[in-house]
Amino acid sequence: MEIISFDVCGKLAHFRKYYANNTAFTYSIPPRTTIMGMLAALAGYERDSYYERLVTTCLRVGVRVVHPVKKTFHRLNLLSIKSRGNAIEGSGDFTGAGGRIQTPFEVVSGIDLGRDYVTYRIFLASGKDDNGEFDRLKTVLGLSTGTPVSDNTRFNLSLGIASFSAWIERAQLHVDISAHTQNDFIRIHSAIPSDRVISLDFQKDTPEEGYNYLEEELMPADFVADGNRELSKLIRVLFSTQGKPFVAKVNAPFYMVPDIKGNLQNILFLE
């Protein structure tokens, strides 16, 4: 099978948790629905028009943290809007007359904010109901034409919100990738559905790896195809925030995908 991999990079990221309406908590990695939005931006799809095109059964998606990330809270100084007023007359709280209110906002960044970038490696493959989107994304990423990504995309890319701009690096097309199964412990490099994990092997402060930190989150995966951003599927996901592999036994096939240096990454898709 063919697998696409590419890195999405930026300075800051925010992926709002779907259940947090009045607070701005963020996931440490982009949920599958957010990655769908990124792919739609690259392909030039309008808002809410891509839910059926990029559904789990049509396009397989995986993600990996490449460099260690952390989450910190910041205070946003926002306008307090209680009255719209009249825009023509210049009245209302949009002019600042209502004052301001500080709102907590959680942000994902590199460990050293001054030097580090947030980088996620995205993996794509055709689903069982392949509808041509995988081949379209090969073209958009310049993997079938050899053109730069910027020549083929329509909308700007961001890491969650519009002000957190992002860009793509190291796009690759991997061919003849086979599925593997193993009854023993293996090193997993990508995020993995929790129900695919039989057991974990925690090795504290190994000389080669050092400490590793794992998180588990319930994350959105698909939307109902009605344009209302209603969730149709949730996946509980386990992943490392340190960009390091973790050791686990899994009950599903995994794929060995080489990185730009030829080092093999054992990945699973979020499905």
C-alpha atoms as a PDB file:
ATOM      1  CA  MET A   1       0.000   0.000   0.000  1.00  0.00           C
ATOM      2  CA  GLU A   2       0.975   3.644  -0.349  1.00  0.00           C
ATOM      3  CA  ILE A   3       1.310   5.983   2.633  1.00  0.00           C
ATOM      4  CA  ILE A   4       1.832   9.758   2.582  1.00  0.00           C
ATOM      5  CA  SER A   5       3.744  11.413   5.406  1.00  0.00           C
ATOM      6  CA  PHE A   6       4.396  15.112   5.974  1.00  0.00           C
ATOM      7  CA  ASP A   7       5.194  17.429   8.885  1.00  0.00           C
ATOM      8  CA  VAL A   8       2.930  20.298   9.920  1.00  0.00           C
ATOM      9  CA  CYS A   9       4.986  22.917  11.775  1.00  0.00           C
ATOM     10  CA  GLY A  10       4.184  26.112  13.653  1.00  0.00           C
ATOM     11  CA  LYS A  11       5.125  28.180  16.655  1.00  0.00           C
ATOM     12  CA  LEU A  12       1.934  27.681  18.676  1.00  0.00           C
ATOM     13  CA  ALA A  13      -1.144  25.451  18.511  1.00  0.00           C
ATOM     14  CA  HIS A  14      -4.601  25.226  20.053  1.00  0.00           C
ATOM     15  CA  PHE A  15      -7.058  22.383  19.445  1.00  0.00           C
ATOM     16  CA  ARG A  16     -10.086  23.145  21.594  1.00  0.00           C
ATOM     17  CA  LYS A  17     -11.573  20.194  23.432  1.00  0.00           C
ATOM     18  CA  TYR A  18     -15.011  19.470  22.040  1.00  0.00           C
ATOM     19  CA  TYR A  19     -16.687  19.374  25.472  1.00  0.00           C
ATOM     20  CA  ALA A  20     -15.218  22.682  26.709  1.00  0.00           C
ATOM     21  CA  ASN A  21     -17.648  25.388  25.577  1.00  0.00           C
ATOM     22  CA  ASN A  22     -16.863  28.030  28.189  1.00  0.00           C
ATOM     23  CA  THR A  23     -13.164  27.336  28.759  1.00  0.00           C
ATOM     24  CA  ALA A  24     -10.333  27.074  26.265  1.00  0.00           C
ATOM     25  CA  PHE A  25      -8.672  23.746  27.051  1.00  0.00           C
ATOM     26  CA  THR A  26      -6.630  22.206  24.261  1.00  0.00           C
ATOM     27  CA  TYR A  27      -5.587  18.748  23.151  1.00  0.00           C
ATOM     28  CA  SER A  28      -1.831  18.163  22.882  1.00  0.00           C
ATOM     29  CA  ILE A  29      -2.224  16.727  19.370  1.00  0.00           C
ATOM     30  CA  PRO A  30      -4.675  17.605  16.600  1.00  0.00           C
ATOM     31  CA  PRO A  31      -7.764  15.343  16.641  1.00  0.00           C
ATOM     32  CA  ARG A  32      -8.636  13.547  13.439  1.00  0.00           C
ATOM     33  CA  THR A  33     -11.388  16.095  12.723  1.00  0.00           C
ATOM     34  CA  THR A  34      -8.818  18.917  12.947  1.00  0.00           C
ATOM     35  CA  ILE A  35      -6.523  17.075  10.547  1.00  0.00           C
ATOM     36  CA  MET A  36      -9.521  16.738   8.205  1.00  0.00           C
ATOM     37  CA  GLY A  37      -9.833  20.536   8.320  1.00  0.00           C
ATOM     38  CA  MET A  38      -6.129  20.945   7.542  1.00  0.00           C
ATOM     39  CA  LEU A  39      -6.409  18.626   4.550  1.00  0.00           C
ATOM     40  CA  ALA A  40      -9.535  20.432   3.377  1.00  0.00           C
ATOM     41  CA  ALA A  41      -7.655  23.751   3.549  1.00  0.00           C
ATOM     42  CA  LEU A  42      -4.846  22.296   1.442  1.00  0.00           C
ATOM     43  CA  ALA A  43      -7.302  20.872  -1.087  1.00  0.00           C
ATOM     44  CA  GLY A  44      -9.399  24.058  -1.218  1.00  0.00           C
ATOM     45  CA  TYR A  45     -12.661  22.647   0.146  1.00  0.00           C
ATOM     46  CA  GLU A  46     -15.154  25.097   1.579  1.00  0.00           C
ATOM     47  CA  ARG A  47     -16.108  24.984   5.251  1.00  0.00           C
ATOM     48  CA  ASP A  48     -18.295  21.999   6.247  1.00  0.00           C
ATOM     49  CA  SER A  49     -18.207  20.572   2.706  1.00  0.00           C
ATOM     50  CA  TYR A  50     -15.658  17.812   3.275  1.00  0.00           C
ATOM     51  CA  TYR A  51     -17.135  15.627   6.037  1.00  0.00           C
ATOM     52  CA  GLU A  52     -18.154  12.759   3.746  1.00  0.00           C
ATOM     53  CA  ARG A  53     -15.120  13.092   1.488  1.00  0.00           C
ATOM     54  CA  LEU A  54     -12.599  12.632   4.314  1.00  0.00           C
ATOM     55  CA  VAL A  55     -14.515  10.231   6.548  1.00  0.00           C
ATOM     56  CA  THR A  56     -12.559   7.439   8.293  1.00  0.00           C
ATOM     57  CA  THR A  57     -13.668   4.751   5.843  1.00  0.00           C
ATOM     58  CA  CYS A  58     -12.396   6.775   2.865  1.00  0.00           C
ATOM     59  CA  LEU A  59      -9.134   8.142   4.242  1.00  0.00           C
ATOM     60  CA  ARG A  60      -6.950   6.678   6.989  1.00  0.00           C
ATOM     61  CA  VAL A  61      -5.168   9.233   9.175  1.00  0.00           C
ATOM     62  CA  GLY A  62      -2.355   8.874  11.704  1.00  0.00           C
ATOM     63  CA  VAL A  63      -0.396  11.457  13.684  1.00  0.00           C
ATOM     64  CA  ARG A  64       2.849  11.641  15.642  1.00  0.00           C
ATOM     65  CA  VAL A  65       4.411  14.293  17.881  1.00  0.00           C
ATOM     66  CA  VAL A  66       7.889  14.930  16.422  1.00  0.00           C
ATOM     67  CA  HIS A  67       9.369  17.254  19.072  1.00  0.00           C
ATOM     68  CA  PRO A  68       8.406  17.521  22.770  1.00  0.00           C
ATOM     69  CA  VAL A  69       5.441  19.803  23.468  1.00  0.00           C
ATOM     70  CA  LYS A  70       3.963  21.402  26.569  1.00  0.00           C
ATOM     71  CA  LYS A  71       0.724  23.185  27.456  1.00  0.00           C
ATOM     72  CA  THR A  72       0.536  26.524  29.268  1.00  0.00           C
ATOM     73  CA  PHE A  73      -2.298  28.876  30.217  1.00  0.00           C
ATOM     74  CA  HIS A  74      -2.355  32.490  29.081  1.00  0.00           C
ATOM     75  CA  ARG A  75      -4.818  35.344  29.608  1.00  0.00           C
ATOM     76  CA  LEU A  76      -6.462  36.894  26.586  1.00  0.00           C
ATOM     77  CA  ASN A  77      -7.638  40.484  26.994  1.00  0.00           C
ATOM     78  CA  LEU A  78     -10.939  40.345  25.076  1.00  0.00           C
ATOM     79  CA  LEU A  79     -13.716  42.858  24.543  1.00  0.00           C
ATOM     80  CA  SER A  80     -16.732  42.404  26.815  1.00  0.00           C
ATOM     81  CA  ILE A  81     -19.679  42.335  24.385  1.00  0.00           C
ATOM     82  CA  LYS A  82     -23.150  42.772  25.874  1.00  0.00           C
ATOM     83  CA  SER A  83     -24.634  45.222  23.391  1.00  0.00           C
ATOM     84  CA  ARG A  84     -24.108  45.279  19.623  1.00  0.00           C
ATOM     85  CA  GLY A  85     -25.313  48.860  19.266  1.00  0.00           C
ATOM     86  CA  ASN A  86     -25.432  50.493  15.871  1.00  0.00           C
ATOM     87  CA  ALA A  87     -22.440  49.953  13.623  1.00  0.00           C
ATOM     88  CA  ILE A  88     -23.256  52.983  11.466  1.00  0.00           C
ATOM     89  CA  GLU A  89     -23.428  55.292  14.466  1.00  0.00           C
ATOM     90  CA  GLY A  90     -20.381  53.692  16.044  1.00  0.00           C
ATOM     91  CA  SER A  91     -22.140  52.691  19.244  1.00  0.00           C
ATOM     92  CA  GLY A  92     -22.174  49.447  21.191  1.00  0.00           C
ATOM     93  CA  ASP A  93     -19.599  47.353  22.966  1.00  0.00           C
ATOM     94  CA  PHE A  94     -17.679  46.544  19.786  1.00  0.00           C
ATOM     95  CA  THR A  95     -16.180  50.039  20.144  1.00  0.00           C
ATOM     96  CA  GLY A  96     -14.665  49.051  23.497  1.00  0.00           C
ATOM     97  CA  ALA A  97     -17.286  50.927  25.511  1.00  0.00           C
ATOM     98  CA  GLY A  98     -18.125  47.759  27.475  1.00  0.00           C
ATOM     99  CA  GLY A  99     -14.589  47.350  28.706  1.00  0.00           C
ATOM    100  CA  ARG A 100     -12.509  44.221  28.559  1.00  0.00           C
ATOM    101  CA  ILE A 101     -12.484  40.833  30.196  1.00  0.00           C
ATOM    102  CA  GLN A 102      -9.552  38.468  30.710  1.00  0.00           C
ATOM    103  CA  THR A 103     -10.188  34.918  29.510  1.00  0.00           C
ATOM    104  CA  PRO A 104      -7.894  31.908  30.218  1.00  0.00           C
ATOM    105  CA  PHE A 105      -6.593  30.241  27.076  1.00  0.00           C
ATOM    106  CA  GLU A 106      -4.463  27.082  26.899  1.00  0.00           C
ATOM    107  CA  VAL A 107      -1.716  26.929  24.283  1.00  0.00           C
ATOM    108  CA  VAL A 108       0.517  24.132  22.974  1.00  0.00           C
ATOM    109  CA  SER A 109       4.146  25.100  22.349  1.00  0.00           C
ATOM    110  CA  GLY A 110       7.638  23.641  22.231  1.00  0.00           C
ATOM    111  CA  ILE A 111       9.550  23.241  25.468  1.00  0.00           C
ATOM    112  CA  ASP A 112      11.641  26.359  24.764  1.00  0.00           C
ATOM    113  CA  LEU A 113       9.224  28.926  23.365  1.00  0.00           C
ATOM    114  CA  GLY A 114      12.042  31.017  21.917  1.00  0.00           C
ATOM    115  CA  ARG A 115      13.724  28.240  19.940  1.00  0.00           C
ATOM    116  CA  ASP A 116      11.393  25.285  19.504  1.00  0.00           C
ATOM    117  CA  TYR A 117       8.542  24.675  17.083  1.00  0.00           C
ATOM    118  CA  VAL A 118       5.439  22.521  17.375  1.00  0.00           C
ATOM    119  CA  THR A 119       5.715  19.754  14.778  1.00  0.00           C
ATOM    120  CA  TYR A 120       3.246  16.962  14.022  1.00  0.00           C
ATOM    121  CA  ARG A 121       3.870  14.219  11.483  1.00  0.00           C
ATOM    122  CA  ILE A 122       0.711  13.282   9.594  1.00  0.00           C
ATOM    123  CA  PHE A 123       0.288   9.887   7.915  1.00  0.00           C
ATOM    124  CA  LEU A 124      -2.362   9.247   5.239  1.00  0.00           C
ATOM    125  CA  ALA A 125      -3.530   6.134   3.401  1.00  0.00           C
ATOM    126  CA  SER A 126      -6.536   5.090   1.342  1.00  0.00           C
ATOM    127  CA  GLY A 127      -9.490   3.676   3.256  1.00  0.00           C
ATOM    128  CA  LYS A 128     -11.552   0.636   2.324  1.00  0.00           C
ATOM    129  CA  ASP A 129     -14.043   2.930   0.547  1.00  0.00           C
ATOM    130  CA  ASP A 130     -11.409   4.810  -1.433  1.00  0.00           C
ATOM    131  CA  ASN A 131     -13.068   7.771  -3.159  1.00  0.00           C
ATOM    132  CA  GLY A 132     -10.010   9.327  -4.811  1.00  0.00           C
ATOM    133  CA  GLU A 133      -9.169  11.776  -2.022  1.00  0.00           C
ATOM    134  CA  PHE A 134      -5.829  10.073  -1.346  1.00  0.00           C
ATOM    135  CA  ASP A 135      -4.741  10.597  -4.967  1.00  0.00           C
ATOM    136  CA  ARG A 136      -5.978  14.192  -4.841  1.00  0.00           C
ATOM    137  CA  LEU A 137      -3.877  14.855  -1.748  1.00  0.00           C
ATOM    138  CA  LYS A 138      -0.841  13.368  -3.468  1.00  0.00           C
ATOM    139  CA  THR A 139      -1.272  16.008  -6.149  1.00  0.00           C
ATOM    140  CA  VAL A 140      -1.905  18.811  -3.653  1.00  0.00           C
ATOM    141  CA  LEU A 141       1.273  17.904  -1.747  1.00  0.00           C
ATOM    142  CA  GLY A 142       3.248  17.825  -4.986  1.00  0.00           C
ATOM    143  CA  LEU A 143       4.067  14.119  -4.644  1.00  0.00           C
ATOM    144  CA  SER A 144       2.689  13.146  -8.053  1.00  0.00           C
ATOM    145  CA  THR A 145       3.740  16.284  -9.943  1.00  0.00           C
ATOM    146  CA  GLY A 146       6.936  17.386  -8.214  1.00  0.00           C
ATOM    147  CA  THR A 147       5.589  20.927  -7.697  1.00  0.00           C
ATOM    148  CA  PRO A 148       5.877  22.820  -4.385  1.00  0.00           C
ATOM    149  CA  VAL A 149       2.949  22.486  -1.964  1.00  0.00           C
ATOM    150  CA  SER A 150       2.396  26.260  -2.023  1.00  0.00           C
ATOM    151  CA  ASP A 151       1.658  26.104  -5.773  1.00  0.00           C
ATOM    152  CA  ASN A 152      -1.246  23.699  -5.275  1.00  0.00           C
ATOM    153  CA  THR A 153      -3.012  24.904  -2.119  1.00  0.00           C
ATOM    154  CA  ARG A 154      -5.814  27.439  -1.805  1.00  0.00           C
ATOM    155  CA  PHE A 155      -6.339  28.272   1.877  1.00  0.00           C
ATOM    156  CA  ASN A 156      -3.761  29.082   4.540  1.00  0.00           C
ATOM    157  CA  LEU A 157      -2.815  26.344   6.986  1.00  0.00           C
ATOM    158  CA  SER A 158      -3.024  26.832  10.759  1.00  0.00           C
ATOM    159  CA  LEU A 159      -2.592  24.810  13.944  1.00  0.00           C
ATOM    160  CA  GLY A 160      -6.122  25.009  15.275  1.00  0.00           C
ATOM    161  CA  ILE A 161      -6.934  28.716  15.085  1.00  0.00           C
ATOM    162  CA  ALA A 162      -6.338  31.156  12.245  1.00  0.00           C
ATOM    163  CA  SER A 163      -3.699  33.223  14.057  1.00  0.00           C
ATOM    164  CA  PHE A 164      -1.471  30.173  14.693  1.00  0.00           C
ATOM    165  CA  SER A 165      -0.035  29.889  11.180  1.00  0.00           C
ATOM    166  CA  ALA A 166       1.579  26.650  10.029  1.00  0.00           C
ATOM    167  CA  TRP A 167       3.532  25.277   7.114  1.00  0.00           C
ATOM    168  CA  ILE A 168       4.413  21.874   5.629  1.00  0.00           C
ATOM    169  CA  GLU A 169       7.817  20.215   5.510  1.00  0.00           C
ATOM    170  CA  ARG A 170       9.214  16.821   4.476  1.00  0.00           C
ATOM    171  CA  ALA A 171       6.305  15.529   2.400  1.00  0.00           C
ATOM    172  CA  GLN A 172       7.007  11.964   1.272  1.00  0.00           C
ATOM    173  CA  LEU A 173       5.235   9.172  -0.574  1.00  0.00           C
ATOM    174  CA  HIS A 174       6.028   5.690   0.711  1.00  0.00           C
ATOM    175  CA  VAL A 175       5.207   2.754  -1.567  1.00  0.00           C
ATOM    176  CA  ASP A 176       4.982  -0.989  -0.938  1.00  0.00           C
ATOM    177  CA  ILE A 177       4.291  -0.588   2.773  1.00  0.00           C
ATOM    178  CA  SER A 178       2.953  -3.795   4.298  1.00  0.00           C
ATOM    179  CA  ALA A 179       0.913  -4.413   7.420  1.00  0.00           C
ATOM    180  CA  HIS A 180       2.703  -6.279  10.214  1.00  0.00           C
ATOM    181  CA  THR A 181       1.444  -8.148  13.252  1.00  0.00           C
ATOM    182  CA  GLN A 182       3.455  -9.175  16.288  1.00  0.00           C
ATOM    183  CA  ASN A 183       2.613 -10.825  19.585  1.00  0.00           C
ATOM    184  CA  ASP A 184       5.568  -9.288  21.414  1.00  0.00           C
ATOM    185  CA  PHE A 185       6.219  -5.728  22.589  1.00  0.00           C
ATOM    186  CA  ILE A 186       7.062  -3.198  19.864  1.00  0.00           C
ATOM    187  CA  ARG A 187       8.009   0.478  19.826  1.00  0.00           C
ATOM    188  CA  ILE A 188       5.073   2.629  18.735  1.00  0.00           C
ATOM    189  CA  HIS A 189       5.887   6.057  17.309  1.00  0.00           C
ATOM    190  CA  SER A 190       2.407   7.409  16.501  1.00  0.00           C
ATOM    191  CA  ALA A 191      -0.776   8.064  18.423  1.00  0.00           C
ATOM    192  CA  ILE A 192      -2.765   4.849  18.766  1.00  0.00           C
ATOM    193  CA  PRO A 193      -6.389   4.010  19.614  1.00  0.00           C
ATOM    194  CA  SER A 194      -6.423   2.860  23.232  1.00  0.00           C
ATOM    195  CA  ASP A 195      -8.456  -0.239  22.436  1.00  0.00           C
ATOM    196  CA  ARG A 196      -5.601  -1.441  20.213  1.00  0.00           C
ATOM    197  CA  VAL A 197      -3.259  -1.620  23.236  1.00  0.00           C
ATOM    198  CA  ILE A 198      -3.029  -4.935  25.094  1.00  0.00           C
ATOM    199  CA  SER A 199      -0.362  -3.806  27.566  1.00  0.00           C
ATOM    200  CA  LEU A 200       2.348  -1.176  28.025  1.00  0.00           C
ATOM    201  CA  ASP A 201       5.941  -1.639  29.108  1.00  0.00           C
ATOM    202  CA  PHE A 202       7.130   1.359  31.118  1.00  0.00           C
ATOM    203  CA  GLN A 203      10.911   1.572  31.275  1.00  0.00           C
ATOM    204  CA  LYS A 204      11.839   4.407  33.591  1.00  0.00           C
ATOM    205  CA  ASP A 205      14.666   6.663  32.481  1.00  0.00           C
ATOM    206  CA  THR A 206      16.315   4.323  29.986  1.00  0.00           C
ATOM    207  CA  PRO A 207      19.788   5.488  28.865  1.00  0.00           C
ATOM    208  CA  GLU A 208      18.732   5.756  25.216  1.00  0.00           C
ATOM    209  CA  GLU A 209      15.342   7.387  25.617  1.00  0.00           C
ATOM    210  CA  GLY A 210      15.131   9.162  28.985  1.00  0.00           C
ATOM    211  CA  TYR A 211      11.720   9.884  30.470  1.00  0.00           C
ATOM    212  CA  ASN A 212       8.649   9.563  28.298  1.00  0.00           C
ATOM    213  CA  TYR A 213       5.229  11.092  28.997  1.00  0.00           C
ATOM    214  CA  LEU A 214       2.013   9.564  27.702  1.00  0.00           C
ATOM    215  CA  GLU A 215      -1.431  11.124  27.529  1.00  0.00           C
ATOM    216  CA  GLU A 216      -4.798   9.543  26.830  1.00  0.00           C
ATOM    217  CA  GLU A 217      -7.680  11.581  25.460  1.00  0.00           C
ATOM    218  CA  LEU A 218     -11.162  10.992  24.077  1.00  0.00           C
ATOM    219  CA  MET A 219     -10.991  12.755  20.707  1.00  0.00           C
ATOM    220  CA  PRO A 220     -13.422  13.424  17.843  1.00  0.00           C
ATOM    221  CA  ALA A 221     -12.866  11.417  14.663  1.00  0.00           C
ATOM    222  CA  ASP A 222     -15.772  12.032  12.250  1.00  0.00           C
ATOM    223  CA  PHE A 223     -18.639  14.458  11.688  1.00  0.00           C
ATOM    224  CA  VAL A 224     -22.225  13.790  10.749  1.00  0.00           C
ATOM    225  CA  ALA A 225     -22.630  14.858   7.125  1.00  0.00           C
ATOM    226  CA  ASP A 226     -25.172  17.591   7.852  1.00  0.00           C
ATOM    227  CA  GLY A 227     -22.886  20.641   7.962  1.00  0.00           C
ATOM    228  CA  ASN A 228     -23.627  21.301  11.650  1.00  0.00           C
ATOM    229  CA  ARG A 229     -20.288  19.999  12.973  1.00  0.00           C
ATOM    230  CA  GLU A 230     -22.075  17.291  14.937  1.00  0.00           C
ATOM    231  CA  LEU A 231     -19.786  14.433  15.944  1.00  0.00           C
ATOM    232  CA  SER A 232     -20.538  10.927  14.710  1.00  0.00           C
ATOM    233  CA  LYS A 233     -17.475   9.124  16.069  1.00  0.00           C
ATOM    234  CA  LEU A 234     -15.127   9.471  19.039  1.00  0.00           C
ATOM    235  CA  ILE A 235     -11.845   7.608  19.593  1.00  0.00           C
ATOM    236  CA  ARG A 236      -9.915   7.230  22.841  1.00  0.00           C
ATOM    237  CA  VAL A 237      -6.293   7.879  21.863  1.00  0.00           C
ATOM    238  CA  LEU A 238      -2.959   7.163  23.586  1.00  0.00           C
ATOM    239  CA  PHE A 239       0.164   9.093  22.550  1.00  0.00           C
ATOM    240  CA  SER A 240       3.538  10.445  23.689  1.00  0.00           C
ATOM    241  CA  THR A 241       4.009  14.203  24.080  1.00  0.00           C
ATOM    242  CA  GLN A 242       7.808  13.864  23.946  1.00  0.00           C
ATOM    243  CA  GLY A 243       8.266  12.763  20.342  1.00  0.00           C
ATOM    244  CA  LYS A 244       9.600   9.407  21.605  1.00  0.00           C
ATOM    245  CA  PRO A 245       8.310   5.910  20.907  1.00  0.00           C
ATOM    246  CA  PHE A 246       6.619   3.968  23.684  1.00  0.00           C
ATOM    247  CA  VAL A 247       6.673   0.198  24.123  1.00  0.00           C
ATOM    248  CA  ALA A 248       3.399  -1.703  23.837  1.00  0.00           C
ATOM    249  CA  LYS A 249       1.717  -4.908  22.743  1.00  0.00           C
ATOM    250  CA  VAL A 250      -1.008  -4.216  20.190  1.00  0.00           C
ATOM    251  CA  ASN A 251      -3.874  -6.286  18.813  1.00  0.00           C
ATOM    252  CA  ALA A 252      -3.979  -4.657  15.371  1.00  0.00           C
ATOM    253  CA  PRO A 253      -1.712  -4.462  12.319  1.00  0.00           C
ATOM    254  CA  PHE A 254       0.941  -1.746  12.319  1.00  0.00           C
ATOM    255  CA  TYR A 255       2.955  -0.208   9.504  1.00  0.00           C
ATOM    256  CA  MET A 256       6.695   0.448   9.307  1.00  0.00           C
ATOM    257  CA  VAL A 257       7.190   3.828   7.627  1.00  0.00           C
ATOM    258  CA  PRO A 258      10.702   5.274   7.111  1.00  0.00           C
ATOM    259  CA  ASP A 259      11.371   8.898   8.005  1.00  0.00           C
ATOM    260  CA  ILE A 260      13.483  11.279   5.941  1.00  0.00           C
ATOM    261  CA  LYS A 261      16.667   9.693   7.356  1.00  0.00           C
ATOM    262  CA  GLY A 262      15.516   6.141   6.731  1.00  0.00           C
ATOM    263  CA  ASN A 263      14.687   5.322  10.363  1.00  0.00           C
ATOM    264  CA  LEU A 264      11.606   3.111  10.630  1.00  0.00           C
ATOM    265  CA  GLN A 265       8.530   4.371  12.489  1.00  0.00           C
ATOM    266  CA  ASN A 266       5.909   1.915  13.679  1.00  0.00           C
ATOM    267  CA  ILE A 267       2.543   3.605  13.230  1.00  0.00           C
ATOM    268  CA  LEU A 268      -1.169   2.874  13.537  1.00  0.00           C
ATOM    269  CA  PHE A 269      -4.040   4.870  12.126  1.00  0.00           C
ATOM    270  CA  LEU A 270      -6.750   6.567  14.167  1.00  0.00           C
ATOM    271  CA  GLU A 271      -9.722   4.383  13.300  1.00  0.00           C
END
